[in-house]
Amino acid sequence: MTDTNATRCGYVAIVGRPNVGKSTLLNHILGQKLAITSRKPQTTRHNMLGIKTEGDVQAIYVDTPGMHKGGEKALNRYMNKTASAALKDVDVVIFVADRTKWTDEDQMVPERVQYVTGPLTVALTKPDPIQAQSALIPSPRDFQDKLP
């Protein structure tokens, strides 16, 4: 096989706090509704895989449960463990965050993904029209300061 015929395949984890838009992003990337979306937090309870192929490139997206505080319930501990386990063998991480607020649960995510060797991409949700870049909370520059 020559380089011109080479194909590529990799895993991409979509992580973030609960109800920030991870499943919506996966559905948008795939161009079809695969993952359930709801206004209710913690709808995704298991990792879900979605595959996108374009030309010689294939990406396997892993939609994870939201990373959150509160391990007093077994279900919460299970969902946090499931989301963290998805990070072990991925090539790329997409960190989804709400542009309108930054929470303690948002801060947990960079702490957990700092050991992933692949690139980290930040996707800001709630893309309502922005009057000025200063209206972004947090701003893209703030993200650089928050990420390890």
Protein backbone atom coordinates (compact mmCIF):
# COMPACT_ATOMS: atom_id res chain seq x y z
CA MET A 1 0.00 0.00 0.00
CA THR A 2 1.41 3.37 -0.94
CA ASP A 3 0.85 6.59 0.99
CA THR A 4 -1.65 7.76 -1.62
CA ASN A 5 -3.84 4.73 -0.81
CA ALA A 6 -3.39 4.91 2.96
CA THR A 7 -6.50 4.93 5.10
CA ARG A 8 -6.88 6.35 8.57
CA CYS A 9 -9.13 5.43 11.47
CA GLY A 10 -9.21 6.79 15.00
CA TYR A 11 -11.30 7.15 18.14
CA VAL A 12 -12.66 10.52 19.25
CA ALA A 13 -14.11 10.90 22.76
CA ILE A 14 -16.77 13.57 23.29
CA VAL A 15 -16.64 14.62 26.95
CA GLY A 16 -18.10 17.31 29.18
CA ARG A 17 -20.43 17.88 32.09
CA PRO A 18 -24.04 16.64 31.96
CA ASN A 19 -26.50 18.31 29.61
CA VAL A 20 -23.94 20.44 27.78
CA GLY A 21 -24.65 19.17 24.26
CA LYS A 22 -22.39 16.14 23.74
CA SER A 23 -25.10 13.96 22.16
CA THR A 24 -26.36 16.87 20.07
CA LEU A 25 -22.82 17.38 18.75
CA LEU A 26 -22.51 13.68 17.90
CA ASN A 27 -25.82 13.74 16.01
CA HIS A 28 -24.70 16.85 14.11
CA ILE A 29 -21.33 15.33 13.16
CA LEU A 30 -22.98 12.12 11.95
CA GLY A 31 -25.74 13.97 10.11
CA GLN A 32 -28.42 11.80 11.69
CA LYS A 33 -30.06 11.24 15.05
CA LEU A 34 -28.23 8.39 16.73
CA ALA A 35 -27.95 9.61 20.31
CA ILE A 36 -30.98 10.57 22.39
CA THR A 37 -31.14 14.24 23.35
CA SER A 38 -33.18 15.73 26.15
CA ARG A 39 -33.35 18.75 28.41
CA LYS A 40 -33.07 16.30 31.31
CA PRO A 41 -29.45 15.92 32.53
CA GLN A 42 -27.75 12.53 32.48
CA THR A 43 -29.81 11.08 29.65
CA THR A 44 -26.74 9.30 28.23
CA ARG A 45 -25.80 6.57 30.70
CA HIS A 46 -23.52 4.39 28.59
CA ASN A 47 -20.84 5.16 26.03
CA MET A 48 -22.35 5.29 22.55
CA LEU A 49 -20.38 4.83 19.35
CA GLY A 50 -21.02 6.66 16.10
CA ILE A 51 -18.91 6.13 12.98
CA LYS A 52 -18.28 8.77 10.32
CA THR A 53 -16.44 7.89 7.11
CA GLU A 54 -15.26 10.48 4.61
CA GLY A 55 -13.01 9.29 1.81
CA ASP A 56 -10.11 7.34 3.30
CA VAL A 57 -10.69 8.65 6.82
CA GLN A 58 -12.92 7.03 9.41
CA ALA A 59 -13.59 8.44 12.87
CA ILE A 60 -15.27 6.45 15.63
CA TYR A 61 -16.92 8.93 18.00
CA VAL A 62 -17.54 7.93 21.61
CA ASP A 63 -20.40 9.88 23.19
CA THR A 64 -19.87 9.66 26.95
CA PRO A 65 -22.09 10.26 29.98
CA GLY A 66 -21.57 13.67 31.56
CA MET A 67 -18.76 13.93 34.09
CA HIS A 68 -20.21 15.27 37.31
CA LYS A 69 -19.72 15.61 41.02
CA GLY A 70 -21.68 13.55 43.47
CA GLY A 71 -20.65 9.95 43.88
CA GLU A 72 -23.11 9.12 46.63
CA LYS A 73 -25.35 7.15 44.26
CA ALA A 74 -24.12 4.01 42.52
CA LEU A 75 -25.51 5.22 39.18
CA ASN A 76 -23.50 8.47 39.40
CA ARG A 77 -20.31 6.57 40.23
CA TYR A 78 -20.96 4.20 37.32
CA MET A 79 -21.52 7.03 34.82
CA ASN A 80 -18.37 8.88 35.92
CA LYS A 81 -16.36 5.66 35.66
CA THR A 82 -17.82 4.96 32.20
CA ALA A 83 -16.94 8.45 30.95
CA SER A 84 -13.39 8.26 32.34
CA ALA A 85 -12.83 4.77 30.92
CA ALA A 86 -13.62 6.04 27.41
CA LEU A 87 -10.50 8.23 27.59
CA LYS A 88 -8.06 5.33 27.88
CA ASP A 89 -7.63 4.45 24.22
CA VAL A 90 -8.83 7.48 22.26
CA ASP A 91 -6.78 9.42 19.75
CA VAL A 92 -8.56 12.78 20.11
CA VAL A 93 -10.77 14.37 22.78
CA ILE A 94 -13.52 16.91 22.12
CA PHE A 95 -14.29 18.81 25.32
CA VAL A 96 -17.79 20.28 25.05
CA ALA A 97 -18.51 23.28 27.27
CA ASP A 98 -21.37 25.75 27.57
CA ARG A 99 -20.12 29.18 26.52
CA THR A 100 -22.48 30.92 28.94
CA LYS A 101 -21.10 29.51 32.21
CA TRP A 102 -18.21 27.57 33.75
CA THR A 103 -18.97 25.20 36.63
CA ASP A 104 -17.01 22.98 39.01
CA GLU A 105 -18.11 20.04 36.86
CA ASP A 106 -16.59 21.75 33.82
CA GLN A 107 -13.33 22.09 35.75
CA MET A 108 -13.34 18.34 36.48
CA VAL A 109 -13.15 17.48 32.79
CA PRO A 110 -9.72 19.00 31.99
CA GLU A 111 -8.35 17.38 35.13
CA ARG A 112 -9.46 13.97 33.86
CA VAL A 113 -8.38 14.41 30.23
CA GLN A 114 -4.91 15.78 30.97
CA TYR A 115 -3.41 12.29 30.67
CA VAL A 116 -4.71 11.68 27.16
CA THR A 117 -1.76 11.84 24.78
CA GLY A 118 -3.76 12.95 21.72
CA PRO A 119 -4.99 16.42 20.85
CA LEU A 120 -7.74 18.15 22.81
CA THR A 121 -10.33 20.23 20.97
CA VAL A 122 -12.74 22.53 22.79
CA ALA A 123 -16.26 22.92 21.39
CA LEU A 124 -18.33 25.75 22.81
CA THR A 125 -22.09 25.18 22.76
CA LYS A 126 -25.05 27.55 22.93
CA PRO A 127 -24.00 29.32 19.71
CA ASP A 128 -26.61 32.04 19.88
CA PRO A 129 -25.56 35.22 18.07
CA ILE A 130 -22.74 36.89 19.93
CA GLN A 131 -22.54 40.68 19.98
CA ALA A 132 -18.88 40.73 20.99
CA GLN A 133 -16.27 38.09 21.70
CA SER A 134 -16.05 39.49 25.23
CA ALA A 135 -19.58 38.14 25.74
CA LEU A 136 -18.21 34.59 25.66
CA ILE A 137 -18.09 33.17 29.17
CA PRO A 138 -15.55 31.66 29.32
CA SER A 139 -13.62 33.19 26.48
CA PRO A 140 -11.37 30.98 24.35
CA ARG A 141 -8.35 32.55 26.11
CA ASP A 142 -9.83 31.61 29.49
CA PHE A 143 -9.96 28.00 28.33
CA GLN A 144 -6.22 27.99 27.71
CA ASP A 145 -5.69 29.10 31.31
CA LYS A 146 -8.06 26.45 32.69
CA LEU A 147 -6.61 23.51 30.75
CA PRO A 148 -3.59 21.70 32.21
